[in-house]
Amino acid sequence: MAYVSLFSGGKDSTLALWVAQKEGIEVSKLVAVKAEREDSYMFHRPNIEQVPKLAEALDIELVQVNTKGEKERELEDLKKALNRLNIEGVISGAVASTYQADRINAICKDLHLDHYSPLWGTSQEDVMNYLINEGFKTIIVAVAAYGMDEKWLGREIDENCLKDLKDLNEKYMVNIAGEGGEYETLVLDGPNFRWGFEVKEGNKHWDGHRGTYEVTSMDKKLF
């Protein structure tokens, strides 16, 4: 039997998948949870509609789970979906969120599944350096932190971006890996992708304090 990887298209779930693959774990499916509520306690929401394209590029079957996104009840929807799959364990991208890790642990315990969280306990800076050094192309698609304005939306995470995040951490205690909900990401390319993507069209939504970057069209790279 194989593992499934919880996958949102963001950096943490993509990195966790990559680590598992490098360690030789067979990942048979990606499980993406689409919450109706924008303020889901558990699941990444921005640009979840692009996940099918990412799964195709990763060459892994996608299982999509719909939920209203109500606190705790959304976990039951995930549990029911996992219970229908013939798997040995679940991979998650939890780094420091005990809320997320504890609840996935509880689901896996009830279903007698292993929970593998390869990024757990890794420092913020190590996560970001690993993301950049492994060659992932990642953009910021939501911001909600002091010091982060509309200009951050759509910005690629590279060494210059990381430097600016460190500056925000020193000034305002912004978590440079976004673990406090300061920002959300979308991965467009990486070492485990058969092809990458370029954003063709997108809409920025900014209310003066926080905002999102809605990717409405992205195409395969032509090179």
C-alpha atoms as a PDB file:
ATOM      1  CA  MET A   1       0.000   0.000   0.000  1.00  0.00           C
ATOM      2  CA  ALA A   2       1.014   3.613  -0.541  1.00  0.00           C
ATOM      3  CA  TYR A   3       0.609   6.999   1.063  1.00  0.00           C
ATOM      4  CA  VAL A   4      -1.539   9.945   0.077  1.00  0.00           C
ATOM      5  CA  SER A   5      -0.294  13.490   0.384  1.00  0.00           C
ATOM      6  CA  LEU A   6      -2.558  16.281   1.585  1.00  0.00           C
ATOM      7  CA  PHE A   7      -2.096  18.904  -1.090  1.00  0.00           C
ATOM      8  CA  SER A   8      -3.217  22.514  -1.456  1.00  0.00           C
ATOM      9  CA  GLY A   9      -0.791  23.782  -4.084  1.00  0.00           C
ATOM     10  CA  GLY A  10       0.992  25.837  -1.435  1.00  0.00           C
ATOM     11  CA  LYS A  11       4.659  25.611  -0.500  1.00  0.00           C
ATOM     12  CA  ASP A  12       4.412  23.461   2.640  1.00  0.00           C
ATOM     13  CA  SER A  13       2.309  20.662   1.179  1.00  0.00           C
ATOM     14  CA  THR A  14       4.427  20.671  -1.986  1.00  0.00           C
ATOM     15  CA  LEU A  15       7.671  20.532  -0.016  1.00  0.00           C
ATOM     16  CA  ALA A  16       6.385  17.706   2.172  1.00  0.00           C
ATOM     17  CA  LEU A  17       5.430  15.734  -0.945  1.00  0.00           C
ATOM     18  CA  TRP A  18       8.891  16.299  -2.423  1.00  0.00           C
ATOM     19  CA  VAL A  19      10.687  15.157   0.741  1.00  0.00           C
ATOM     20  CA  ALA A  20       8.567  11.993   0.841  1.00  0.00           C
ATOM     21  CA  GLN A  21       9.308  11.263  -2.807  1.00  0.00           C
ATOM     22  CA  LYS A  22      13.035  11.777  -2.283  1.00  0.00           C
ATOM     23  CA  GLU A  23      12.896   9.294   0.591  1.00  0.00           C
ATOM     24  CA  GLY A  24      11.345   6.691  -1.675  1.00  0.00           C
ATOM     25  CA  ILE A  25       7.822   6.765  -0.274  1.00  0.00           C
ATOM     26  CA  GLU A  26       5.212   5.731  -2.821  1.00  0.00           C
ATOM     27  CA  VAL A  27       2.653   8.522  -3.093  1.00  0.00           C
ATOM     28  CA  SER A  28      -0.360   7.123  -4.929  1.00  0.00           C
ATOM     29  CA  LYS A  29      -2.710  10.085  -4.626  1.00  0.00           C
ATOM     30  CA  LEU A  30      -2.968  13.746  -3.731  1.00  0.00           C
ATOM     31  CA  VAL A  31      -5.883  14.731  -1.526  1.00  0.00           C
ATOM     32  CA  ALA A  32      -7.082  18.316  -1.904  1.00  0.00           C
ATOM     33  CA  VAL A  33      -9.792  19.711   0.337  1.00  0.00           C
ATOM     34  CA  LYS A  34     -11.844  22.556  -1.096  1.00  0.00           C
ATOM     35  CA  ALA A  35     -13.599  24.526   1.616  1.00  0.00           C
ATOM     36  CA  GLU A  36     -16.544  26.780   0.781  1.00  0.00           C
ATOM     37  CA  ARG A  37     -15.648  29.156   3.568  1.00  0.00           C
ATOM     38  CA  GLU A  38     -12.746  31.507   2.946  1.00  0.00           C
ATOM     39  CA  ASP A  39     -11.916  31.434   6.654  1.00  0.00           C
ATOM     40  CA  SER A  40     -11.507  27.664   7.020  1.00  0.00           C
ATOM     41  CA  TYR A  41      -9.582  26.885  10.215  1.00  0.00           C
ATOM     42  CA  MET A  42      -7.837  23.922   8.670  1.00  0.00           C
ATOM     43  CA  PHE A  43      -7.493  24.155   4.922  1.00  0.00           C
ATOM     44  CA  HIS A  44      -5.672  26.463   2.520  1.00  0.00           C
ATOM     45  CA  ARG A  45      -8.204  28.217   0.265  1.00  0.00           C
ATOM     46  CA  PRO A  46      -6.542  30.686  -2.182  1.00  0.00           C
ATOM     47  CA  ASN A  47      -6.346  29.311  -5.744  1.00  0.00           C
ATOM     48  CA  ILE A  48      -7.404  25.790  -4.761  1.00  0.00           C
ATOM     49  CA  GLU A  49      -9.089  25.706  -8.194  1.00  0.00           C
ATOM     50  CA  GLN A  50      -5.635  25.421  -9.796  1.00  0.00           C
ATOM     51  CA  VAL A  51      -4.755  22.203  -7.966  1.00  0.00           C
ATOM     52  CA  PRO A  52      -5.963  19.847 -10.751  1.00  0.00           C
ATOM     53  CA  LYS A  53      -3.429  21.403 -13.147  1.00  0.00           C
ATOM     54  CA  LEU A  54      -0.675  21.020 -10.568  1.00  0.00           C
ATOM     55  CA  ALA A  55      -1.604  17.384  -9.930  1.00  0.00           C
ATOM     56  CA  GLU A  56      -1.406  16.699 -13.657  1.00  0.00           C
ATOM     57  CA  ALA A  57       2.064  18.252 -13.791  1.00  0.00           C
ATOM     58  CA  LEU A  58       3.104  16.142 -10.785  1.00  0.00           C
ATOM     59  CA  ASP A  59       1.668  13.046 -12.501  1.00  0.00           C
ATOM     60  CA  ILE A  60      -0.230  11.947  -9.386  1.00  0.00           C
ATOM     61  CA  GLU A  61      -3.936  11.103  -9.221  1.00  0.00           C
ATOM     62  CA  LEU A  62      -5.988  13.763  -7.469  1.00  0.00           C
ATOM     63  CA  VAL A  63      -8.788  13.114  -4.985  1.00  0.00           C
ATOM     64  CA  GLN A  64     -10.872  16.224  -4.367  1.00  0.00           C
ATOM     65  CA  VAL A  65     -12.853  16.582  -1.163  1.00  0.00           C
ATOM     66  CA  ASN A  66     -15.531  19.255  -0.822  1.00  0.00           C
ATOM     67  CA  THR A  67     -16.461  20.676   2.554  1.00  0.00           C
ATOM     68  CA  LYS A  68     -18.393  23.654   3.824  1.00  0.00           C
ATOM     69  CA  GLY A  69     -15.337  24.564   5.876  1.00  0.00           C
ATOM     70  CA  GLU A  70     -17.088  24.639   9.235  1.00  0.00           C
ATOM     71  CA  LYS A  71     -14.756  24.272  12.198  1.00  0.00           C
ATOM     72  CA  GLU A  72     -14.218  20.621  13.189  1.00  0.00           C
ATOM     73  CA  ARG A  73     -16.931  19.374  10.808  1.00  0.00           C
ATOM     74  CA  GLU A  74     -14.524  19.922   7.890  1.00  0.00           C
ATOM     75  CA  LEU A  75     -12.246  17.346   9.513  1.00  0.00           C
ATOM     76  CA  GLU A  76     -14.996  14.732   9.359  1.00  0.00           C
ATOM     77  CA  ASP A  77     -15.244  15.292   5.615  1.00  0.00           C
ATOM     78  CA  LEU A  78     -11.515  14.638   5.269  1.00  0.00           C
ATOM     79  CA  LYS A  79     -11.738  11.576   7.504  1.00  0.00           C
ATOM     80  CA  LYS A  80     -14.540  10.058   5.435  1.00  0.00           C
ATOM     81  CA  ALA A  81     -12.564  10.590   2.241  1.00  0.00           C
ATOM     82  CA  LEU A  82      -9.393   9.002   3.653  1.00  0.00           C
ATOM     83  CA  ASN A  83     -11.369   6.043   4.997  1.00  0.00           C
ATOM     84  CA  ARG A  84     -12.446   5.174   1.449  1.00  0.00           C
ATOM     85  CA  LEU A  85      -8.856   4.893   0.218  1.00  0.00           C
ATOM     86  CA  ASN A  86      -6.662   1.809   0.410  1.00  0.00           C
ATOM     87  CA  ILE A  87      -3.605   3.468   1.933  1.00  0.00           C
ATOM     88  CA  GLU A  88      -0.982   3.009   4.601  1.00  0.00           C
ATOM     89  CA  GLY A  89      -0.454   6.608   5.647  1.00  0.00           C
ATOM     90  CA  VAL A  90      -0.915  10.318   5.136  1.00  0.00           C
ATOM     91  CA  ILE A  91       1.711  12.966   4.367  1.00  0.00           C
ATOM     92  CA  SER A  92       1.113  16.519   5.545  1.00  0.00           C
ATOM     93  CA  GLY A  93       3.000  19.784   5.329  1.00  0.00           C
ATOM     94  CA  ALA A  94       2.526  20.824   8.949  1.00  0.00           C
ATOM     95  CA  VAL A  95       5.530  22.810  10.189  1.00  0.00           C
ATOM     96  CA  ALA A  96       4.591  24.314  13.543  1.00  0.00           C
ATOM     97  CA  SER A  97       0.801  24.437  13.722  1.00  0.00           C
ATOM     98  CA  THR A  98      -0.281  22.177  16.559  1.00  0.00           C
ATOM     99  CA  TYR A  99      -3.909  22.809  15.570  1.00  0.00           C
ATOM    100  CA  GLN A 100      -3.294  21.196  12.194  1.00  0.00           C
ATOM    101  CA  ALA A 101      -0.895  18.478  13.329  1.00  0.00           C
ATOM    102  CA  ASP A 102      -3.017  17.354  16.291  1.00  0.00           C
ATOM    103  CA  ARG A 103      -6.128  16.966  14.187  1.00  0.00           C
ATOM    104  CA  ILE A 104      -4.433  15.044  11.405  1.00  0.00           C
ATOM    105  CA  ASN A 105      -2.807  12.829  14.043  1.00  0.00           C
ATOM    106  CA  ALA A 106      -6.225  12.134  15.545  1.00  0.00           C
ATOM    107  CA  ILE A 107      -7.744  11.230  12.166  1.00  0.00           C
ATOM    108  CA  CYS A 108      -4.857   8.921  11.333  1.00  0.00           C
ATOM    109  CA  LYS A 109      -5.043   7.257  14.750  1.00  0.00           C
ATOM    110  CA  ASP A 110      -8.757   6.557  14.310  1.00  0.00           C
ATOM    111  CA  LEU A 111      -8.178   5.114  10.838  1.00  0.00           C
ATOM    112  CA  HIS A 112      -5.016   3.217  11.843  1.00  0.00           C
ATOM    113  CA  LEU A 113      -2.890   5.178   9.395  1.00  0.00           C
ATOM    114  CA  ASP A 114       0.647   6.498   9.706  1.00  0.00           C
ATOM    115  CA  HIS A 115       1.022  10.278   9.685  1.00  0.00           C
ATOM    116  CA  TYR A 116       4.272  11.479   8.132  1.00  0.00           C
ATOM    117  CA  SER A 117       5.009  15.180   8.535  1.00  0.00           C
ATOM    118  CA  PRO A 118       8.582  15.676   7.282  1.00  0.00           C
ATOM    119  CA  LEU A 119       8.703  19.444   7.846  1.00  0.00           C
ATOM    120  CA  TRP A 120       7.482  19.308  11.432  1.00  0.00           C
ATOM    121  CA  GLY A 121       9.745  21.247  13.788  1.00  0.00           C
ATOM    122  CA  THR A 122      11.894  22.656  10.975  1.00  0.00           C
ATOM    123  CA  SER A 123      12.923  26.275  11.504  1.00  0.00           C
ATOM    124  CA  GLN A 124      11.222  28.988   9.475  1.00  0.00           C
ATOM    125  CA  GLU A 125      14.440  29.936   7.735  1.00  0.00           C
ATOM    126  CA  ASP A 126      15.337  26.338   6.884  1.00  0.00           C
ATOM    127  CA  VAL A 127      11.928  25.793   5.268  1.00  0.00           C
ATOM    128  CA  MET A 128      12.340  28.896   3.127  1.00  0.00           C
ATOM    129  CA  ASN A 129      15.928  28.135   2.151  1.00  0.00           C
ATOM    130  CA  TYR A 130      14.961  24.584   1.217  1.00  0.00           C
ATOM    131  CA  LEU A 131      12.107  25.884  -0.934  1.00  0.00           C
ATOM    132  CA  ILE A 132      14.449  28.200  -2.837  1.00  0.00           C
ATOM    133  CA  ASN A 133      17.482  25.924  -3.044  1.00  0.00           C
ATOM    134  CA  GLU A 134      15.483  22.955  -4.346  1.00  0.00           C
ATOM    135  CA  GLY A 135      14.314  25.069  -7.271  1.00  0.00           C
ATOM    136  CA  PHE A 136      10.626  25.593  -6.517  1.00  0.00           C
ATOM    137  CA  LYS A 137       8.967  28.568  -8.191  1.00  0.00           C
ATOM    138  CA  THR A 138       6.504  29.925  -5.671  1.00  0.00           C
ATOM    139  CA  ILE A 139       4.402  33.081  -5.597  1.00  0.00           C
ATOM    140  CA  ILE A 140       2.581  34.802  -2.766  1.00  0.00           C
ATOM    141  CA  VAL A 141      -1.187  34.761  -3.314  1.00  0.00           C
ATOM    142  CA  ALA A 142      -2.551  36.165  -0.042  1.00  0.00           C
ATOM    143  CA  VAL A 143      -1.223  38.551   2.604  1.00  0.00           C
ATOM    144  CA  ALA A 144      -2.572  39.467   6.020  1.00  0.00           C
ATOM    145  CA  ALA A 145       0.258  40.927   8.070  1.00  0.00           C
ATOM    146  CA  TYR A 146       1.503  44.315   9.153  1.00  0.00           C
ATOM    147  CA  GLY A 147       4.127  45.521   6.707  1.00  0.00           C
ATOM    148  CA  MET A 148       2.830  43.475   3.774  1.00  0.00           C
ATOM    149  CA  ASP A 149       0.948  45.543   1.211  1.00  0.00           C
ATOM    150  CA  GLU A 150      -0.611  44.997  -2.214  1.00  0.00           C
ATOM    151  CA  LYS A 151       2.839  44.872  -3.851  1.00  0.00           C
ATOM    152  CA  TRP A 152       3.488  41.507  -2.200  1.00  0.00           C
ATOM    153  CA  LEU A 153       0.644  39.866  -4.111  1.00  0.00           C
ATOM    154  CA  GLY A 154       2.042  37.776  -6.962  1.00  0.00           C
ATOM    155  CA  ARG A 155       5.614  38.211  -5.778  1.00  0.00           C
ATOM    156  CA  GLU A 156       7.952  35.268  -6.326  1.00  0.00           C
ATOM    157  CA  ILE A 157       9.721  33.851  -3.278  1.00  0.00           C
ATOM    158  CA  ASP A 158      13.435  34.136  -3.978  1.00  0.00           C
ATOM    159  CA  GLU A 159      16.480  35.251  -2.001  1.00  0.00           C
ATOM    160  CA  ASN A 160      15.508  38.935  -2.197  1.00  0.00           C
ATOM    161  CA  CYS A 161      11.993  38.127  -1.022  1.00  0.00           C
ATOM    162  CA  LEU A 162      13.373  36.079   1.845  1.00  0.00           C
ATOM    163  CA  LYS A 163      15.576  38.997   2.886  1.00  0.00           C
ATOM    164  CA  ASP A 164      12.531  41.281   2.982  1.00  0.00           C
ATOM    165  CA  LEU A 165      10.609  38.694   5.008  1.00  0.00           C
ATOM    166  CA  LYS A 166      13.452  38.580   7.520  1.00  0.00           C
ATOM    167  CA  ASP A 167      13.295  42.360   7.789  1.00  0.00           C
ATOM    168  CA  LEU A 168       9.559  42.167   8.499  1.00  0.00           C
ATOM    169  CA  ASN A 169      10.251  39.526  11.117  1.00  0.00           C
ATOM    170  CA  GLU A 170      12.690  41.843  12.901  1.00  0.00           C
ATOM    171  CA  LYS A 171      10.360  44.845  12.698  1.00  0.00           C
ATOM    172  CA  TYR A 172       6.937  43.300  13.246  1.00  0.00           C
ATOM    173  CA  MET A 173       7.546  39.672  14.282  1.00  0.00           C
ATOM    174  CA  VAL A 174       6.113  38.404  10.983  1.00  0.00           C
ATOM    175  CA  ASN A 175       6.722  34.655  10.671  1.00  0.00           C
ATOM    176  CA  ILE A 176       8.938  34.373   7.598  1.00  0.00           C
ATOM    177  CA  ALA A 177       7.365  31.040   6.635  1.00  0.00           C
ATOM    178  CA  GLY A 178       3.822  32.407   7.015  1.00  0.00           C
ATOM    179  CA  GLU A 179       2.983  29.979   9.825  1.00  0.00           C
ATOM    180  CA  GLY A 180       0.824  32.576  11.558  1.00  0.00           C
ATOM    181  CA  GLY A 181      -1.343  33.110   8.488  1.00  0.00           C
ATOM    182  CA  GLU A 182       0.713  36.111   7.392  1.00  0.00           C
ATOM    183  CA  TYR A 183       0.662  34.948   3.791  1.00  0.00           C
ATOM    184  CA  GLU A 184      -0.335  32.067   1.505  1.00  0.00           C
ATOM    185  CA  THR A 185       1.449  30.694  -1.551  1.00  0.00           C
ATOM    186  CA  LEU A 186       1.013  28.885  -4.855  1.00  0.00           C
ATOM    187  CA  VAL A 187       3.771  26.692  -6.306  1.00  0.00           C
ATOM    188  CA  LEU A 188       4.134  26.957 -10.092  1.00  0.00           C
ATOM    189  CA  ASP A 189       7.123  24.704 -10.710  1.00  0.00           C
ATOM    190  CA  GLY A 190       9.582  22.438  -8.952  1.00  0.00           C
ATOM    191  CA  PRO A 191      11.915  19.457  -9.274  1.00  0.00           C
ATOM    192  CA  ASN A 192       9.033  16.966  -9.118  1.00  0.00           C
ATOM    193  CA  PHE A 193       6.967  18.755 -11.790  1.00  0.00           C
ATOM    194  CA  ARG A 194       6.915  17.386 -15.344  1.00  0.00           C
ATOM    195  CA  TRP A 195       6.306  20.957 -16.496  1.00  0.00           C
ATOM    196  CA  GLY A 196       5.905  24.303 -14.821  1.00  0.00           C
ATOM    197  CA  PHE A 197       3.382  27.095 -15.231  1.00  0.00           C
ATOM    198  CA  GLU A 198       3.287  30.789 -16.006  1.00  0.00           C
ATOM    199  CA  VAL A 199       0.486  32.992 -14.734  1.00  0.00           C
ATOM    200  CA  LYS A 200      -1.293  34.571 -17.693  1.00  0.00           C
ATOM    201  CA  GLU A 201      -4.118  36.367 -15.929  1.00  0.00           C
ATOM    202  CA  GLY A 202      -4.916  37.200 -12.343  1.00  0.00           C
ATOM    203  CA  ASN A 203      -6.886  39.602 -10.190  1.00  0.00           C
ATOM    204  CA  LYS A 204      -5.627  41.362  -7.100  1.00  0.00           C
ATOM    205  CA  HIS A 205      -8.135  42.037  -4.336  1.00  0.00           C
ATOM    206  CA  TRP A 206      -6.969  44.514  -1.680  1.00  0.00           C
ATOM    207  CA  ASP A 207      -9.058  46.032   1.121  1.00  0.00           C
ATOM    208  CA  GLY A 208      -6.381  48.307   2.537  1.00  0.00           C
ATOM    209  CA  HIS A 209      -5.185  45.823   5.157  1.00  0.00           C
ATOM    210  CA  ARG A 210      -5.112  42.402   3.529  1.00  0.00           C
ATOM    211  CA  GLY A 211      -5.539  40.928   0.106  1.00  0.00           C
ATOM    212  CA  THR A 212      -5.493  37.985  -2.271  1.00  0.00           C
ATOM    213  CA  TYR A 213      -4.157  37.295  -5.735  1.00  0.00           C
ATOM    214  CA  GLU A 214      -6.662  35.210  -7.680  1.00  0.00           C
ATOM    215  CA  VAL A 215      -4.959  33.341 -10.518  1.00  0.00           C
ATOM    216  CA  THR A 216      -7.570  33.037 -13.245  1.00  0.00           C
ATOM    217  CA  SER A 217      -5.375  31.613 -16.015  1.00  0.00           C
ATOM    218  CA  MET A 218      -2.023  29.860 -16.093  1.00  0.00           C
ATOM    219  CA  ASP A 219      -0.354  28.039 -18.943  1.00  0.00           C
ATOM    220  CA  LYS A 220       2.385  25.448 -19.284  1.00  0.00           C
ATOM    221  CA  LYS A 221       5.836  26.874 -19.756  1.00  0.00           C
ATOM    222  CA  LEU A 222       6.940  26.798 -23.363  1.00  0.00           C
ATOM    223  CA  PHE A 223      10.571  26.096 -22.456  1.00  0.00           C
END
